[in-house]
Amino acid sequence: MTKALVKLQQKFADLRSEKGATAVEYGLMVALIAVVIIVAVALLGKNLSTLFNTVSNSV
C-alpha cells in the first residue's frame, strides 16, 4: 500500500512540474524581444538609410 501511495505522490509531483511554465516564459520573452527589434528597425530604418546615403554621397 505504501508503494502505491509513493507512486501516486510522484505522479502528482510530475503534474505540478514547472518545466512547461518556464519554457512558455522563455518563449514569451523571445517573442517580446523580436517585437521590440522589429519596431526599432521599422522606426529607424528610413533615418539610417538617409544617413548612409548622405555619408556615401559626401565621400
N, C-alpha and C. Protein backbone atom coordinates (compact mmCIF):
# COMPACT_ATOMS: atom_id res chain seq x y z
N MET A 1 0.82 -1.20 0.00
CA MET A 1 0.00 0.00 0.00
C MET A 1 0.87 1.26 0.00
N THR A 2 1.96 1.22 0.74
CA THR A 2 2.85 2.38 0.82
C THR A 2 3.47 2.68 -0.53
N LYS A 3 3.84 1.62 -1.26
CA LYS A 3 4.43 1.82 -2.58
C LYS A 3 3.44 2.49 -3.52
N ALA A 4 2.19 2.12 -3.41
CA ALA A 4 1.16 2.72 -4.26
C ALA A 4 1.01 4.21 -3.94
N LEU A 5 1.08 4.57 -2.67
CA LEU A 5 0.98 5.97 -2.28
C LEU A 5 2.17 6.77 -2.78
N VAL A 6 3.35 6.18 -2.71
CA VAL A 6 4.56 6.86 -3.20
C VAL A 6 4.45 7.10 -4.70
N LYS A 7 3.99 6.11 -5.44
CA LYS A 7 3.82 6.27 -6.88
C LYS A 7 2.79 7.34 -7.20
N LEU A 8 1.72 7.38 -6.44
CA LEU A 8 0.68 8.38 -6.65
C LEU A 8 1.23 9.79 -6.36
N GLN A 9 2.01 9.92 -5.31
CA GLN A 9 2.62 11.21 -4.99
C GLN A 9 3.58 11.64 -6.09
N GLN A 10 4.33 10.71 -6.65
CA GLN A 10 5.26 11.04 -7.73
C GLN A 10 4.50 11.51 -8.97
N LYS A 11 3.38 10.87 -9.25
CA LYS A 11 2.59 11.29 -10.41
C LYS A 11 2.06 12.70 -10.23
N PHE A 12 1.59 13.04 -9.03
CA PHE A 12 1.11 14.39 -8.77
C PHE A 12 2.26 15.39 -8.82
N ALA A 13 3.43 15.00 -8.38
CA ALA A 13 4.59 15.88 -8.44
C ALA A 13 4.96 16.16 -9.89
N ASP A 14 4.85 15.15 -10.75
CA ASP A 14 5.13 15.34 -12.17
C ASP A 14 4.13 16.30 -12.80
N LEU A 15 2.88 16.23 -12.38
CA LEU A 15 1.86 17.12 -12.92
C LEU A 15 2.11 18.57 -12.52
N ARG A 16 2.70 18.77 -11.35
CA ARG A 16 2.96 20.12 -10.87
C ARG A 16 4.32 20.65 -11.32
N SER A 17 5.00 19.92 -12.15
CA SER A 17 6.31 20.33 -12.63
C SER A 17 6.21 21.69 -13.33
N GLU A 18 7.23 22.52 -13.14
CA GLU A 18 7.21 23.86 -13.72
C GLU A 18 8.06 23.98 -14.97
N LYS A 19 8.49 22.88 -15.53
CA LYS A 19 9.32 22.92 -16.73
C LYS A 19 8.56 23.52 -17.90
N GLY A 20 7.30 23.16 -18.05
CA GLY A 20 6.50 23.70 -19.14
C GLY A 20 6.26 25.19 -18.98
N ALA A 21 6.02 25.63 -17.76
CA ALA A 21 5.81 27.05 -17.50
C ALA A 21 7.06 27.85 -17.81
N THR A 22 8.21 27.32 -17.48
CA THR A 22 9.46 28.02 -17.76
C THR A 22 9.67 28.14 -19.26
N ALA A 23 9.38 27.11 -20.00
CA ALA A 23 9.53 27.16 -21.45
C ALA A 23 8.59 28.20 -22.05
N VAL A 24 7.39 28.29 -21.53
CA VAL A 24 6.43 29.28 -22.02
C VAL A 24 6.93 30.69 -21.71
N GLU A 25 7.49 30.89 -20.53
CA GLU A 25 8.02 32.20 -20.16
C GLU A 25 9.16 32.60 -21.08
N TYR A 26 10.06 31.68 -21.36
CA TYR A 26 11.16 31.98 -22.28
C TYR A 26 10.63 32.29 -23.68
N GLY A 27 9.64 31.57 -24.11
CA GLY A 27 9.04 31.83 -25.41
C GLY A 27 8.42 33.22 -25.49
N LEU A 28 7.74 33.64 -24.41
CA LEU A 28 7.16 34.97 -24.38
C LEU A 28 8.24 36.05 -24.40
N MET A 29 9.33 35.82 -23.68
CA MET A 29 10.42 36.80 -23.68
C MET A 29 11.04 36.92 -25.06
N VAL A 30 11.25 35.81 -25.74
CA VAL A 30 11.83 35.84 -27.09
C VAL A 30 10.88 36.57 -28.04
N ALA A 31 9.59 36.32 -27.92
CA ALA A 31 8.62 36.99 -28.78
C ALA A 31 8.61 38.49 -28.52
N LEU A 32 8.69 38.89 -27.27
CA LEU A 32 8.71 40.31 -26.93
C LEU A 32 9.96 40.99 -27.46
N ILE A 33 11.10 40.33 -27.34
CA ILE A 33 12.35 40.89 -27.87
C ILE A 33 12.26 41.03 -29.39
N ALA A 34 11.68 40.04 -30.05
CA ALA A 34 11.53 40.11 -31.51
C ALA A 34 10.63 41.28 -31.91
N VAL A 35 9.56 41.50 -31.17
CA VAL A 35 8.66 42.62 -31.47
C VAL A 35 9.39 43.94 -31.30
N VAL A 36 10.19 44.07 -30.23
CA VAL A 36 10.94 45.30 -29.99
C VAL A 36 11.94 45.55 -31.12
N ILE A 37 12.62 44.51 -31.57
CA ILE A 37 13.58 44.66 -32.66
C ILE A 37 12.87 45.08 -33.95
N ILE A 38 11.75 44.47 -34.25
CA ILE A 38 11.00 44.81 -35.47
C ILE A 38 10.54 46.26 -35.43
N VAL A 39 10.03 46.69 -34.28
CA VAL A 39 9.57 48.08 -34.15
C VAL A 39 10.74 49.04 -34.29
N ALA A 40 11.88 48.72 -33.67
CA ALA A 40 13.05 49.60 -33.75
C ALA A 40 13.54 49.71 -35.19
N VAL A 41 13.59 48.61 -35.90
CA VAL A 41 14.04 48.63 -37.30
C VAL A 41 13.05 49.42 -38.16
N ALA A 42 11.77 49.25 -37.90
CA ALA A 42 10.77 49.97 -38.68
C ALA A 42 10.87 51.48 -38.45
N LEU A 43 11.10 51.88 -37.20
CA LEU A 43 11.16 53.31 -36.89
C LEU A 43 12.48 53.94 -37.34
N LEU A 44 13.57 53.23 -37.22
CA LEU A 44 14.88 53.80 -37.53
C LEU A 44 15.36 53.48 -38.94
N GLY A 45 14.68 52.61 -39.63
CA GLY A 45 15.13 52.18 -40.95
C GLY A 45 15.30 53.30 -41.95
N LYS A 46 14.30 54.16 -42.08
CA LYS A 46 14.37 55.25 -43.05
C LYS A 46 15.43 56.26 -42.66
N ASN A 47 15.53 56.56 -41.36
CA ASN A 47 16.54 57.53 -40.90
C ASN A 47 17.95 57.01 -41.17
N LEU A 48 18.18 55.75 -40.91
CA LEU A 48 19.50 55.19 -41.17
C LEU A 48 19.81 55.14 -42.65
N SER A 49 18.82 54.83 -43.46
CA SER A 49 19.03 54.80 -44.90
C SER A 49 19.41 56.19 -45.40
N THR A 50 18.71 57.20 -44.93
CA THR A 50 19.01 58.58 -45.32
C THR A 50 20.41 58.97 -44.86
N LEU A 51 20.76 58.60 -43.64
CA LEU A 51 22.09 58.91 -43.11
C LEU A 51 23.19 58.24 -43.93
N PHE A 52 23.03 56.99 -44.26
CA PHE A 52 24.04 56.28 -45.05
C PHE A 52 24.15 56.88 -46.46
N ASN A 53 23.03 57.24 -47.04
CA ASN A 53 23.07 57.87 -48.38
C ASN A 53 23.79 59.21 -48.33
N THR A 54 23.54 59.98 -47.29
CA THR A 54 24.22 61.28 -47.14
C THR A 54 25.70 61.10 -46.98
N VAL A 55 26.11 60.14 -46.16
CA VAL A 55 27.52 59.89 -45.94
C VAL A 55 28.17 59.38 -47.22
N SER A 56 27.52 58.48 -47.93
CA SER A 56 28.11 57.94 -49.15
C SER A 56 28.21 59.01 -50.24
N ASN A 57 27.25 59.89 -50.31
CA ASN A 57 27.32 60.98 -51.31
C ASN A 57 28.42 61.98 -50.97
N SER A 58 28.67 62.21 -49.70
CA SER A 58 29.70 63.18 -49.32
C SER A 58 31.11 62.59 -49.49
N VAL A 59 31.22 61.28 -49.47
CA VAL A 59 32.53 60.64 -49.65
C VAL A 59 32.79 60.58 -51.13
